[in-house]
Amino acid sequence: MNRILLTLLAALLLSGTALAQPEGRGDRGGMPGIEKLNLSAEQKSALKSAVKPYRTQLIDLKADMQKKRLELRDIMDTDNPDRAAYEKAGKDMADIEQRMRLTLFDMRAEAMKILTPEQRAKWNEQRGERMREFGKRLRERRER
């Protein structure tokens, strides 16, 4: 029973790690919809330069999170899991997740400085649409 509860807690802790998924996002720099803003060549170059250090940080944080997952798995795979070790690993993961969120926040703030006021307004409008679509998909899943 304890093992099941610990596994469920681990799953909850790991659910937030999808934040740092810069791979596969092309030149968007982790900003979905940025390609629809008709950026100038200068803006594209500036955006790429501005987000690169943040993307590198996110890669490192993602690796740190994966290491903590392995550590949690090792703790859980023992016959008598150590609660204190599990708690510490969970707190470490929460700290890494918070650092990921702050890195994404800083990256987006830097990217926004490159956009014109009109582009920022359009991006925010698109963001609202994405949030509504996400909420719709979430409600549909709950209804199943």
N, C-alpha and C. Protein backbone atom coordinates (compact mmCIF):
# COMPACT_ATOMS: atom_id res chain seq x y z
N MET A 1 0.82 -1.19 0.00
CA MET A 1 0.00 0.00 0.00
C MET A 1 0.87 1.26 0.00
N ASN A 2 1.89 1.28 0.88
CA ASN A 2 2.78 2.44 0.93
C ASN A 2 3.50 2.63 -0.39
N ARG A 3 3.88 1.52 -1.01
CA ARG A 3 4.58 1.60 -2.28
C ARG A 3 3.70 2.24 -3.35
N ILE A 4 2.42 1.91 -3.35
CA ILE A 4 1.49 2.49 -4.32
C ILE A 4 1.36 3.99 -4.08
N LEU A 5 1.22 4.39 -2.82
CA LEU A 5 1.10 5.81 -2.50
C LEU A 5 2.35 6.57 -2.89
N LEU A 6 3.51 5.99 -2.63
CA LEU A 6 4.76 6.64 -3.00
C LEU A 6 4.89 6.77 -4.52
N THR A 7 4.47 5.75 -5.23
CA THR A 7 4.51 5.79 -6.69
C THR A 7 3.59 6.88 -7.23
N LEU A 8 2.39 6.99 -6.65
CA LEU A 8 1.46 8.04 -7.07
C LEU A 8 2.03 9.43 -6.79
N LEU A 9 2.66 9.60 -5.64
CA LEU A 9 3.26 10.88 -5.31
C LEU A 9 4.37 11.21 -6.30
N ALA A 10 5.16 10.22 -6.64
CA ALA A 10 6.24 10.43 -7.60
C ALA A 10 5.66 10.87 -8.95
N ALA A 11 4.57 10.25 -9.37
CA ALA A 11 3.94 10.61 -10.64
C ALA A 11 3.46 12.06 -10.60
N LEU A 12 2.90 12.49 -9.48
CA LEU A 12 2.46 13.88 -9.36
C LEU A 12 3.63 14.85 -9.42
N LEU A 13 4.71 14.50 -8.76
CA LEU A 13 5.88 15.37 -8.77
C LEU A 13 6.47 15.49 -10.16
N LEU A 14 6.39 14.41 -10.92
CA LEU A 14 7.00 14.40 -12.25
C LEU A 14 6.13 15.06 -13.30
N SER A 15 4.86 15.26 -13.00
CA SER A 15 3.94 15.76 -14.02
C SER A 15 4.27 17.16 -14.49
N GLY A 16 4.92 17.96 -13.69
CA GLY A 16 5.24 19.32 -14.08
C GLY A 16 6.50 19.46 -14.90
N THR A 17 7.21 18.38 -15.14
CA THR A 17 8.50 18.50 -15.82
C THR A 17 8.36 18.74 -17.31
N ALA A 18 7.16 18.70 -17.84
CA ALA A 18 6.98 18.96 -19.26
C ALA A 18 7.25 20.42 -19.60
N LEU A 19 7.46 21.25 -18.63
CA LEU A 19 7.72 22.65 -18.87
C LEU A 19 8.96 22.89 -19.69
N ALA A 20 9.95 22.11 -19.48
CA ALA A 20 11.23 22.35 -20.14
C ALA A 20 11.39 21.43 -21.34
N GLN A 21 10.62 21.67 -22.36
CA GLN A 21 10.68 20.86 -23.55
C GLN A 21 11.07 21.73 -24.73
N PRO A 22 12.28 22.30 -24.74
CA PRO A 22 12.63 23.18 -25.85
C PRO A 22 12.88 22.46 -27.15
N GLU A 23 13.14 21.15 -27.13
CA GLU A 23 13.42 20.42 -28.35
C GLU A 23 12.18 20.43 -29.25
N GLY A 24 12.42 20.48 -30.53
CA GLY A 24 11.33 20.38 -31.48
C GLY A 24 10.54 21.66 -31.63
N ARG A 25 11.02 22.75 -31.08
CA ARG A 25 10.28 23.99 -31.18
C ARG A 25 10.90 24.96 -32.18
N GLY A 26 11.87 24.49 -32.91
CA GLY A 26 12.46 25.32 -33.96
C GLY A 26 12.99 26.64 -33.43
N ASP A 27 12.72 27.71 -34.17
CA ASP A 27 13.21 29.04 -33.79
C ASP A 27 12.24 29.76 -32.87
N ARG A 28 11.20 29.09 -32.45
CA ARG A 28 10.21 29.75 -31.60
C ARG A 28 10.75 30.05 -30.22
N GLY A 29 11.79 29.34 -29.81
CA GLY A 29 12.37 29.60 -28.51
C GLY A 29 11.43 29.24 -27.37
N GLY A 30 10.60 28.24 -27.56
CA GLY A 30 9.71 27.85 -26.49
C GLY A 30 8.47 28.72 -26.40
N MET A 31 8.18 29.48 -27.45
CA MET A 31 7.02 30.36 -27.45
C MET A 31 6.09 29.94 -28.59
N PRO A 32 5.15 29.04 -28.29
CA PRO A 32 4.23 28.61 -29.34
C PRO A 32 3.49 29.79 -29.95
N GLY A 33 3.38 29.80 -31.26
CA GLY A 33 2.65 30.86 -31.95
C GLY A 33 3.54 32.00 -32.41
N ILE A 34 4.79 32.01 -32.00
CA ILE A 34 5.68 33.12 -32.36
C ILE A 34 5.88 33.20 -33.87
N GLU A 35 5.80 32.05 -34.55
CA GLU A 35 6.01 32.04 -36.00
C GLU A 35 4.88 32.75 -36.75
N LYS A 36 3.76 33.00 -36.09
CA LYS A 36 2.61 33.67 -36.73
C LYS A 36 2.68 35.20 -36.60
N LEU A 37 3.76 35.71 -36.04
CA LEU A 37 3.84 37.14 -35.76
C LEU A 37 4.56 37.94 -36.85
N ASN A 38 4.92 37.28 -37.95
CA ASN A 38 5.61 37.96 -39.05
C ASN A 38 6.83 38.73 -38.57
N LEU A 39 7.73 38.04 -37.92
CA LEU A 39 8.95 38.66 -37.41
C LEU A 39 9.86 39.05 -38.56
N SER A 40 10.55 40.16 -38.40
CA SER A 40 11.55 40.56 -39.38
C SER A 40 12.77 39.65 -39.22
N ALA A 41 13.65 39.68 -40.19
CA ALA A 41 14.87 38.88 -40.11
C ALA A 41 15.69 39.29 -38.89
N GLU A 42 15.73 40.60 -38.61
CA GLU A 42 16.46 41.09 -37.44
C GLU A 42 15.84 40.55 -36.15
N GLN A 43 14.51 40.55 -36.08
CA GLN A 43 13.83 40.05 -34.88
C GLN A 43 14.09 38.55 -34.70
N LYS A 44 14.05 37.81 -35.80
CA LYS A 44 14.31 36.37 -35.71
C LYS A 44 15.70 36.10 -35.18
N SER A 45 16.67 36.85 -35.68
CA SER A 45 18.05 36.69 -35.24
C SER A 45 18.19 37.08 -33.76
N ALA A 46 17.58 38.21 -33.40
CA ALA A 46 17.66 38.68 -32.01
C ALA A 46 16.97 37.70 -31.07
N LEU A 47 15.85 37.15 -31.49
CA LEU A 47 15.12 36.19 -30.67
C LEU A 47 15.95 34.93 -30.45
N LYS A 48 16.54 34.46 -31.52
CA LYS A 48 17.38 33.25 -31.43
C LYS A 48 18.54 33.47 -30.45
N SER A 49 19.18 34.63 -30.56
CA SER A 49 20.30 34.95 -29.66
C SER A 49 19.83 35.13 -28.22
N ALA A 50 18.67 35.75 -28.05
CA ALA A 50 18.18 36.03 -26.70
C ALA A 50 17.79 34.76 -25.95
N VAL A 51 17.20 33.80 -26.64
CA VAL A 51 16.69 32.62 -25.93
C VAL A 51 17.72 31.49 -25.81
N LYS A 52 18.80 31.56 -26.57
CA LYS A 52 19.77 30.46 -26.56
C LYS A 52 20.31 30.14 -25.16
N PRO A 53 20.75 31.13 -24.38
CA PRO A 53 21.26 30.78 -23.05
C PRO A 53 20.20 30.16 -22.15
N TYR A 54 18.97 30.60 -22.31
CA TYR A 54 17.88 30.04 -21.50
C TYR A 54 17.60 28.59 -21.91
N ARG A 55 17.64 28.34 -23.20
CA ARG A 55 17.42 26.97 -23.66
C ARG A 55 18.50 26.04 -23.15
N THR A 56 19.73 26.54 -23.11
CA THR A 56 20.83 25.74 -22.56
C THR A 56 20.57 25.44 -21.08
N GLN A 57 20.12 26.44 -20.34
CA GLN A 57 19.79 26.23 -18.92
C GLN A 57 18.67 25.20 -18.77
N LEU A 58 17.67 25.27 -19.64
CA LEU A 58 16.56 24.33 -19.57
C LEU A 58 17.01 22.91 -19.85
N ILE A 59 17.93 22.76 -20.77
CA ILE A 59 18.47 21.42 -21.06
C ILE A 59 19.17 20.87 -19.81
N ASP A 60 19.96 21.71 -19.16
CA ASP A 60 20.66 21.28 -17.94
C ASP A 60 19.67 20.93 -16.83
N LEU A 61 18.64 21.76 -16.68
CA LEU A 61 17.63 21.49 -15.64
C LEU A 61 16.86 20.21 -15.94
N LYS A 62 16.56 19.99 -17.21
CA LYS A 62 15.86 18.77 -17.58
C LYS A 62 16.72 17.55 -17.25
N ALA A 63 18.01 17.65 -17.50
CA ALA A 63 18.92 16.54 -17.16
C ALA A 63 18.95 16.32 -15.65
N ASP A 64 18.97 17.41 -14.89
CA ASP A 64 18.93 17.30 -13.43
C ASP A 64 17.64 16.60 -12.98
N MET A 65 16.53 16.94 -13.62
CA MET A 65 15.25 16.32 -13.26
C MET A 65 15.26 14.84 -13.58
N GLN A 66 15.83 14.47 -14.71
CA GLN A 66 15.90 13.06 -15.07
C GLN A 66 16.75 12.27 -14.07
N LYS A 67 17.83 12.89 -13.60
CA LYS A 67 18.66 12.23 -12.59
C LYS A 67 17.88 12.01 -11.30
N LYS A 68 17.07 13.01 -10.93
CA LYS A 68 16.25 12.87 -9.71
C LYS A 68 15.20 11.79 -9.89
N ARG A 69 14.66 11.66 -11.11
CA ARG A 69 13.70 10.58 -11.37
C ARG A 69 14.35 9.23 -11.15
N LEU A 70 15.58 9.09 -11.65
CA LEU A 70 16.31 7.84 -11.44
C LEU A 70 16.54 7.59 -9.95
N GLU A 71 16.89 8.63 -9.24
CA GLU A 71 17.11 8.51 -7.80
C GLU A 71 15.82 8.06 -7.11
N LEU A 72 14.70 8.66 -7.49
CA LEU A 72 13.41 8.25 -6.91
C LEU A 72 13.10 6.80 -7.24
N ARG A 73 13.36 6.43 -8.48
CA ARG A 73 13.09 5.05 -8.89
C ARG A 73 13.93 4.08 -8.07
N ASP A 74 15.20 4.43 -7.85
CA ASP A 74 16.06 3.59 -7.03
C ASP A 74 15.54 3.47 -5.61
N ILE A 75 15.07 4.58 -5.07
CA ILE A 75 14.51 4.56 -3.71
C ILE A 75 13.29 3.65 -3.67
N MET A 76 12.43 3.77 -4.66
CA MET A 76 11.19 3.00 -4.69
C MET A 76 11.42 1.52 -4.95
N ASP A 77 12.50 1.19 -5.62
CA ASP A 77 12.76 -0.20 -5.97
C ASP A 77 13.34 -1.04 -4.83
N THR A 78 13.57 -0.41 -3.70
CA THR A 78 14.07 -1.17 -2.56
C THR A 78 12.91 -1.82 -1.83
N ASP A 79 13.21 -2.86 -1.04
CA ASP A 79 12.17 -3.54 -0.27
C ASP A 79 11.61 -2.65 0.83
N ASN A 80 12.45 -1.76 1.34
CA ASN A 80 12.03 -0.89 2.43
C ASN A 80 12.45 0.55 2.08
N PRO A 81 11.63 1.26 1.26
CA PRO A 81 12.01 2.61 0.81
C PRO A 81 12.25 3.56 1.99
N ASP A 82 13.29 4.35 1.88
CA ASP A 82 13.66 5.34 2.89
C ASP A 82 12.83 6.60 2.68
N ARG A 83 11.95 6.86 3.64
CA ARG A 83 11.03 8.00 3.53
C ARG A 83 11.79 9.33 3.47
N ALA A 84 12.82 9.48 4.29
CA ALA A 84 13.59 10.73 4.32
C ALA A 84 14.28 10.97 2.97
N ALA A 85 14.84 9.93 2.39
CA ALA A 85 15.50 10.07 1.09
C ALA A 85 14.47 10.41 0.01
N TYR A 86 13.31 9.78 0.10
CA TYR A 86 12.24 10.06 -0.86
C TYR A 86 11.77 11.51 -0.73
N GLU A 87 11.60 11.95 0.51
CA GLU A 87 11.16 13.32 0.75
C GLU A 87 12.19 14.32 0.21
N LYS A 88 13.47 14.06 0.45
CA LYS A 88 14.52 14.96 -0.03
C LYS A 88 14.52 15.01 -1.56
N ALA A 89 14.43 13.84 -2.18
CA ALA A 89 14.41 13.81 -3.65
C ALA A 89 13.20 14.57 -4.19
N GLY A 90 12.06 14.42 -3.53
CA GLY A 90 10.86 15.14 -3.95
C GLY A 90 11.03 16.65 -3.82
N LYS A 91 11.64 17.09 -2.74
CA LYS A 91 11.89 18.52 -2.56
C LYS A 91 12.89 19.04 -3.59
N ASP A 92 13.90 18.24 -3.87
CA ASP A 92 14.87 18.62 -4.90
C ASP A 92 14.18 18.76 -6.26
N MET A 93 13.27 17.85 -6.56
CA MET A 93 12.55 17.90 -7.83
C MET A 93 11.66 19.14 -7.89
N ALA A 94 11.02 19.47 -6.79
CA ALA A 94 10.18 20.67 -6.74
C ALA A 94 11.04 21.91 -6.97
N ASP A 95 12.24 21.93 -6.41
CA ASP A 95 13.16 23.05 -6.59
C ASP A 95 13.58 23.16 -8.06
N ILE A 96 13.90 22.03 -8.66
CA ILE A 96 14.29 22.03 -10.08
C ILE A 96 13.13 22.52 -10.94
N GLU A 97 11.93 22.04 -10.63
CA GLU A 97 10.76 22.47 -11.40
C GLU A 97 10.56 23.97 -11.28
N GLN A 98 10.72 24.52 -10.09
CA GLN A 98 10.58 25.97 -9.91
C GLN A 98 11.65 26.73 -10.70
N ARG A 99 12.86 26.21 -10.70
CA ARG A 99 13.92 26.85 -11.49
C ARG A 99 13.59 26.79 -12.98
N MET A 100 12.97 25.70 -13.43
CA MET A 100 12.54 25.60 -14.83
C MET A 100 11.51 26.67 -15.14
N ARG A 101 10.53 26.80 -14.25
CA ARG A 101 9.47 27.81 -14.46
C ARG A 101 10.06 29.21 -14.53
N LEU A 102 10.97 29.52 -13.62
CA LEU A 102 11.59 30.85 -13.61
C LEU A 102 12.44 31.09 -14.84
N THR A 103 13.14 30.06 -15.31
CA THR A 103 13.94 30.18 -16.52
C THR A 103 13.04 30.45 -17.72
N LEU A 104 11.91 29.73 -17.80
CA LEU A 104 10.95 29.98 -18.88
C LEU A 104 10.38 31.39 -18.79
N PHE A 105 10.09 31.83 -17.58
CA PHE A 105 9.56 33.18 -17.37
C PHE A 105 10.57 34.20 -17.89
N ASP A 106 11.83 34.06 -17.47
CA ASP A 106 12.87 35.00 -17.89
C ASP A 106 13.08 34.97 -19.40
N MET A 107 13.05 33.76 -19.97
CA MET A 107 13.24 33.62 -21.41
C MET A 107 12.12 34.34 -22.18
N ARG A 108 10.91 34.15 -21.74
CA ARG A 108 9.79 34.80 -22.43
C ARG A 108 9.84 36.32 -22.25
N ALA A 109 10.26 36.77 -21.06
CA ALA A 109 10.38 38.21 -20.83
C ALA A 109 11.41 38.82 -21.79
N GLU A 110 12.52 38.14 -21.98
CA GLU A 110 13.55 38.62 -22.92
C GLU A 110 13.01 38.63 -24.34
N ALA A 111 12.29 37.58 -24.69
CA ALA A 111 11.74 37.50 -26.05
C ALA A 111 10.72 38.61 -26.29
N MET A 112 9.93 38.93 -25.28
CA MET A 112 8.91 39.96 -25.44
C MET A 112 9.53 41.33 -25.71
N LYS A 113 10.72 41.57 -25.22
CA LYS A 113 11.40 42.85 -25.45
C LYS A 113 11.71 43.06 -26.93
N ILE A 114 11.79 41.96 -27.67
CA ILE A 114 12.15 42.02 -29.09
C ILE A 114 10.93 42.33 -29.96
N LEU A 115 9.75 42.00 -29.46
CA LEU A 115 8.53 42.19 -30.24
C LEU A 115 8.04 43.63 -30.18
N THR A 116 7.34 44.02 -31.23
CA THR A 116 6.69 45.33 -31.24
C THR A 116 5.44 45.24 -30.36
N PRO A 117 4.87 46.38 -29.95
CA PRO A 117 3.64 46.33 -29.16
C PRO A 117 2.52 45.55 -29.86
N GLU A 118 2.41 45.71 -31.18
CA GLU A 118 1.38 45.00 -31.93
C GLU A 118 1.62 43.48 -31.91
N GLN A 119 2.88 43.10 -32.05
CA GLN A 119 3.21 41.67 -32.01
C GLN A 119 2.96 41.08 -30.63
N ARG A 120 3.28 41.84 -29.59
CA ARG A 120 3.01 41.36 -28.23
C ARG A 120 1.51 41.17 -28.01
N ALA A 121 0.72 42.12 -28.49
CA ALA A 121 -0.74 42.02 -28.35
C ALA A 121 -1.27 40.79 -29.09
N LYS A 122 -0.76 40.57 -30.30
CA LYS A 122 -1.19 39.41 -31.08
C LYS A 122 -0.77 38.12 -30.39
N TRP A 123 0.47 38.09 -29.86
CA TRP A 123 0.94 36.89 -29.17
C TRP A 123 0.09 36.61 -27.94
N ASN A 124 -0.24 37.64 -27.18
CA ASN A 124 -1.08 37.45 -26.00
C ASN A 124 -2.47 36.97 -26.37
N GLU A 125 -3.00 37.46 -27.48
CA GLU A 125 -4.30 37.00 -27.96
C GLU A 125 -4.23 35.51 -28.33
N GLN A 126 -3.18 35.13 -29.04
CA GLN A 126 -3.00 33.73 -29.42
C GLN A 126 -2.81 32.87 -28.18
N ARG A 127 -2.13 33.39 -27.20
CA ARG A 127 -1.91 32.66 -25.95
C ARG A 127 -3.25 32.38 -25.27
N GLY A 128 -4.12 33.38 -25.25
CA GLY A 128 -5.46 33.17 -24.67
C GLY A 128 -6.22 32.09 -25.41
N GLU A 129 -6.10 32.07 -26.72
CA GLU A 129 -6.76 31.05 -27.53
C GLU A 129 -6.21 29.66 -27.19
N ARG A 130 -4.88 29.58 -27.05
CA ARG A 130 -4.27 28.29 -26.70
C ARG A 130 -4.72 27.82 -25.33
N MET A 131 -4.84 28.75 -24.39
CA MET A 131 -5.29 28.40 -23.04
C MET A 131 -6.74 27.89 -23.07
N ARG A 132 -7.59 28.56 -23.84
CA ARG A 132 -8.98 28.11 -23.95
C ARG A 132 -9.06 26.72 -24.58
N GLU A 133 -8.26 26.49 -25.63
CA GLU A 133 -8.24 25.18 -26.29
C GLU A 133 -7.74 24.10 -25.33
N PHE A 134 -6.72 24.43 -24.55
CA PHE A 134 -6.20 23.48 -23.57
C PHE A 134 -7.28 23.15 -22.54
N GLY A 135 -7.98 24.16 -22.06
CA GLY A 135 -9.07 23.93 -21.10
C GLY A 135 -10.17 23.06 -21.68
N LYS A 136 -10.48 23.28 -22.94
CA LYS A 136 -11.51 22.48 -23.62
C LYS A 136 -11.08 21.01 -23.69
N ARG A 137 -9.83 20.77 -24.06
CA ARG A 137 -9.33 19.39 -24.14
C ARG A 137 -9.32 18.73 -22.76
N LEU A 138 -8.98 19.50 -21.75
CA LEU A 138 -8.96 19.00 -20.39
C LEU A 138 -10.36 18.58 -19.94
N ARG A 139 -11.34 19.43 -20.23
CA ARG A 139 -12.74 19.10 -19.87
C ARG A 139 -13.22 17.87 -20.60
N GLU A 140 -12.84 17.73 -21.89
CA GLU A 140 -13.24 16.55 -22.67
C GLU A 140 -12.66 15.28 -22.08
N ARG A 141 -11.42 15.34 -21.61
CA ARG A 141 -10.80 14.17 -20.99
C ARG A 141 -11.53 13.77 -19.72
N ARG A 142 -11.92 14.77 -18.94
CA ARG A 142 -12.61 14.49 -17.68
C ARG A 142 -13.98 13.84 -17.92
N GLU A 143 -14.61 14.19 -19.03
CA GLU A 143 -15.93 13.66 -19.34
C GLU A 143 -15.88 12.21 -19.80
N ARG A 144 -14.74 11.75 -20.23
CA ARG A 144 -14.61 10.39 -20.74
C ARG A 144 -14.71 9.37 -19.63
